[in-house]
């Protein structure tokens, strides 16, 4: 750590925003000061979407999901994650 960072009590959001926009954290911290943190109760955010699929495709997805014993929407999410995020 280079020097102690004194964070004041802020009276408003704008005052806090102004404070953080004017300082450079590199003046106060070294990269070696960083610590790994974990947020075990943090859930990934998701957003509902509307998606039109051909009936034949949706029927096939439901058939496969049913065979695997999972809800079809979960099957769609899993497969999209595997394809686009590499196995998530």
C-alpha atoms as a PDB file:
ATOM      1  CA  UNK A   1       0.000   0.000   0.000  1.00  0.00           C
ATOM      2  CA  UNK A   2       1.392   3.381  -0.961  1.00  0.00           C
ATOM      3  CA  UNK A   3      -0.551   5.743   1.306  1.00  0.00           C
ATOM      4  CA  UNK A   4      -3.690   5.568   3.428  1.00  0.00           C
ATOM      5  CA  UNK A   5      -6.926   6.393   1.633  1.00  0.00           C
ATOM      6  CA  UNK A   6      -9.291   8.389   3.828  1.00  0.00           C
ATOM      7  CA  UNK A   7     -12.857   8.089   2.584  1.00  0.00           C
ATOM      8  CA  UNK A   8     -15.117  10.825   3.989  1.00  0.00           C
ATOM      9  CA  UNK A   9     -18.777  10.470   4.955  1.00  0.00           C
ATOM     10  CA  UNK A  10     -20.827  11.592   1.981  1.00  0.00           C
ATOM     11  CA  UNK A  11     -23.957  13.715   2.252  1.00  0.00           C
ATOM     12  CA  UNK A  12     -25.255  12.756  -1.178  1.00  0.00           C
ATOM     13  CA  UNK A  13     -24.707  10.411  -4.064  1.00  0.00           C
ATOM     14  CA  UNK A  14     -23.419  13.290  -6.193  1.00  0.00           C
ATOM     15  CA  UNK A  15     -20.829  14.170  -3.559  1.00  0.00           C
ATOM     16  CA  UNK A  16     -19.620  10.574  -3.474  1.00  0.00           C
ATOM     17  CA  UNK A  17     -19.541  10.377  -7.258  1.00  0.00           C
ATOM     18  CA  UNK A  18     -17.484  13.556  -7.379  1.00  0.00           C
ATOM     19  CA  UNK A  19     -15.012  12.198  -4.808  1.00  0.00           C
ATOM     20  CA  UNK A  20     -14.400   8.892  -6.617  1.00  0.00           C
ATOM     21  CA  UNK A  21     -14.131  10.551 -10.029  1.00  0.00           C
ATOM     22  CA  UNK A  22     -11.281  12.797  -8.852  1.00  0.00           C
ATOM     23  CA  UNK A  23      -8.973  10.236  -7.245  1.00  0.00           C
ATOM     24  CA  UNK A  24      -6.654   7.706  -8.798  1.00  0.00           C
ATOM     25  CA  UNK A  25      -6.624   4.464  -6.784  1.00  0.00           C
ATOM     26  CA  UNK A  26      -3.185   3.677  -8.207  1.00  0.00           C
ATOM     27  CA  UNK A  27      -1.891   6.441  -5.911  1.00  0.00           C
ATOM     28  CA  UNK A  28      -3.081   4.422  -2.916  1.00  0.00           C
ATOM     29  CA  UNK A  29      -2.773   0.756  -3.817  1.00  0.00           C
ATOM     30  CA  UNK A  30      -0.258  -1.577  -5.433  1.00  0.00           C
ATOM     31  CA  UNK A  31      -1.396  -4.565  -7.516  1.00  0.00           C
ATOM     32  CA  UNK A  32       0.009  -6.845  -4.790  1.00  0.00           C
ATOM     33  CA  UNK A  33      -2.551  -5.321  -2.374  1.00  0.00           C
ATOM     34  CA  UNK A  34      -5.419  -6.968  -4.255  1.00  0.00           C
ATOM     35  CA  UNK A  35      -7.140  -9.883  -2.579  1.00  0.00           C
ATOM     36  CA  UNK A  36      -9.383 -12.547  -3.986  1.00  0.00           C
ATOM     37  CA  UNK A  37     -12.968 -12.371  -2.750  1.00  0.00           C
ATOM     38  CA  UNK A  38     -15.941 -14.675  -2.999  1.00  0.00           C
ATOM     39  CA  UNK A  39     -19.633 -13.823  -3.095  1.00  0.00           C
ATOM     40  CA  UNK A  40     -21.301 -17.203  -2.474  1.00  0.00           C
ATOM     41  CA  UNK A  41     -24.836 -15.834  -2.167  1.00  0.00           C
ATOM     42  CA  UNK A  42     -24.670 -13.690  -5.288  1.00  0.00           C
ATOM     43  CA  UNK A  43     -26.936 -15.081  -7.959  1.00  0.00           C
ATOM     44  CA  UNK A  44     -26.231 -14.438 -11.635  1.00  0.00           C
ATOM     45  CA  UNK A  45     -28.701 -12.017 -13.107  1.00  0.00           C
ATOM     46  CA  UNK A  46     -30.954 -13.160 -15.878  1.00  0.00           C
ATOM     47  CA  UNK A  47     -33.364 -11.440 -18.197  1.00  0.00           C
ATOM     48  CA  UNK A  48     -36.527 -12.921 -19.643  1.00  0.00           C
ATOM     49  CA  UNK A  49     -36.690 -12.961 -23.418  1.00  0.00           C
ATOM     50  CA  UNK A  50     -39.295 -13.876 -25.986  1.00  0.00           C
ATOM     51  CA  UNK A  51     -38.078 -16.289 -28.616  1.00  0.00           C
ATOM     52  CA  UNK A  52     -40.049 -17.754 -31.490  1.00  0.00           C
ATOM     53  CA  UNK A  53     -39.035 -21.292 -32.412  1.00  0.00           C
ATOM     54  CA  UNK A  54     -40.482 -23.585 -35.059  1.00  0.00           C
ATOM     55  CA  UNK A  55     -42.927 -26.050 -33.480  1.00  0.00           C
ATOM     56  CA  UNK A  56     -40.886 -28.999 -34.685  1.00  0.00           C
ATOM     57  CA  UNK A  57     -37.745 -27.672 -32.970  1.00  0.00           C
ATOM     58  CA  UNK A  58     -39.558 -26.878 -29.722  1.00  0.00           C
ATOM     59  CA  UNK A  59     -41.138 -30.338 -29.695  1.00  0.00           C
ATOM     60  CA  UNK A  60     -37.711 -31.937 -30.157  1.00  0.00           C
ATOM     61  CA  UNK A  61     -36.231 -29.825 -27.332  1.00  0.00           C
ATOM     62  CA  UNK A  62     -39.101 -30.818 -25.029  1.00  0.00           C
ATOM     63  CA  UNK A  63     -38.670 -34.473 -25.991  1.00  0.00           C
ATOM     64  CA  UNK A  64     -34.935 -34.442 -25.185  1.00  0.00           C
ATOM     65  CA  UNK A  65     -35.478 -32.490 -21.958  1.00  0.00           C
ATOM     66  CA  UNK A  66     -38.199 -34.917 -20.874  1.00  0.00           C
ATOM     67  CA  UNK A  67     -35.951 -37.885 -21.611  1.00  0.00           C
ATOM     68  CA  UNK A  68     -33.239 -36.275 -19.425  1.00  0.00           C
ATOM     69  CA  UNK A  69     -35.746 -35.361 -16.712  1.00  0.00           C
ATOM     70  CA  UNK A  70     -35.173 -31.603 -16.851  1.00  0.00           C
ATOM     71  CA  UNK A  71     -37.502 -28.704 -17.671  1.00  0.00           C
ATOM     72  CA  UNK A  72     -37.238 -27.747 -21.324  1.00  0.00           C
ATOM     73  CA  UNK A  73     -36.409 -24.090 -20.566  1.00  0.00           C
ATOM     74  CA  UNK A  74     -33.519 -25.226 -18.370  1.00  0.00           C
ATOM     75  CA  UNK A  75     -32.371 -27.481 -21.205  1.00  0.00           C
ATOM     76  CA  UNK A  76     -32.381 -24.533 -23.605  1.00  0.00           C
ATOM     77  CA  UNK A  77     -30.369 -22.387 -21.137  1.00  0.00           C
ATOM     78  CA  UNK A  78     -27.869 -25.171 -20.530  1.00  0.00           C
ATOM     79  CA  UNK A  79     -27.325 -25.826 -24.220  1.00  0.00           C
ATOM     80  CA  UNK A  80     -26.979 -22.127 -25.071  1.00  0.00           C
ATOM     81  CA  UNK A  81     -24.460 -21.735 -22.255  1.00  0.00           C
ATOM     82  CA  UNK A  82     -22.501 -24.756 -23.444  1.00  0.00           C
ATOM     83  CA  UNK A  83     -22.408 -23.485 -27.020  1.00  0.00           C
ATOM     84  CA  UNK A  84     -21.713 -19.792 -26.401  1.00  0.00           C
ATOM     85  CA  UNK A  85     -19.860 -19.824 -23.074  1.00  0.00           C
ATOM     86  CA  UNK A  86     -17.877 -23.002 -23.485  1.00  0.00           C
ATOM     87  CA  UNK A  87     -19.442 -25.478 -21.122  1.00  0.00           C
ATOM     88  CA  UNK A  88     -21.141 -23.348 -18.491  1.00  0.00           C
END
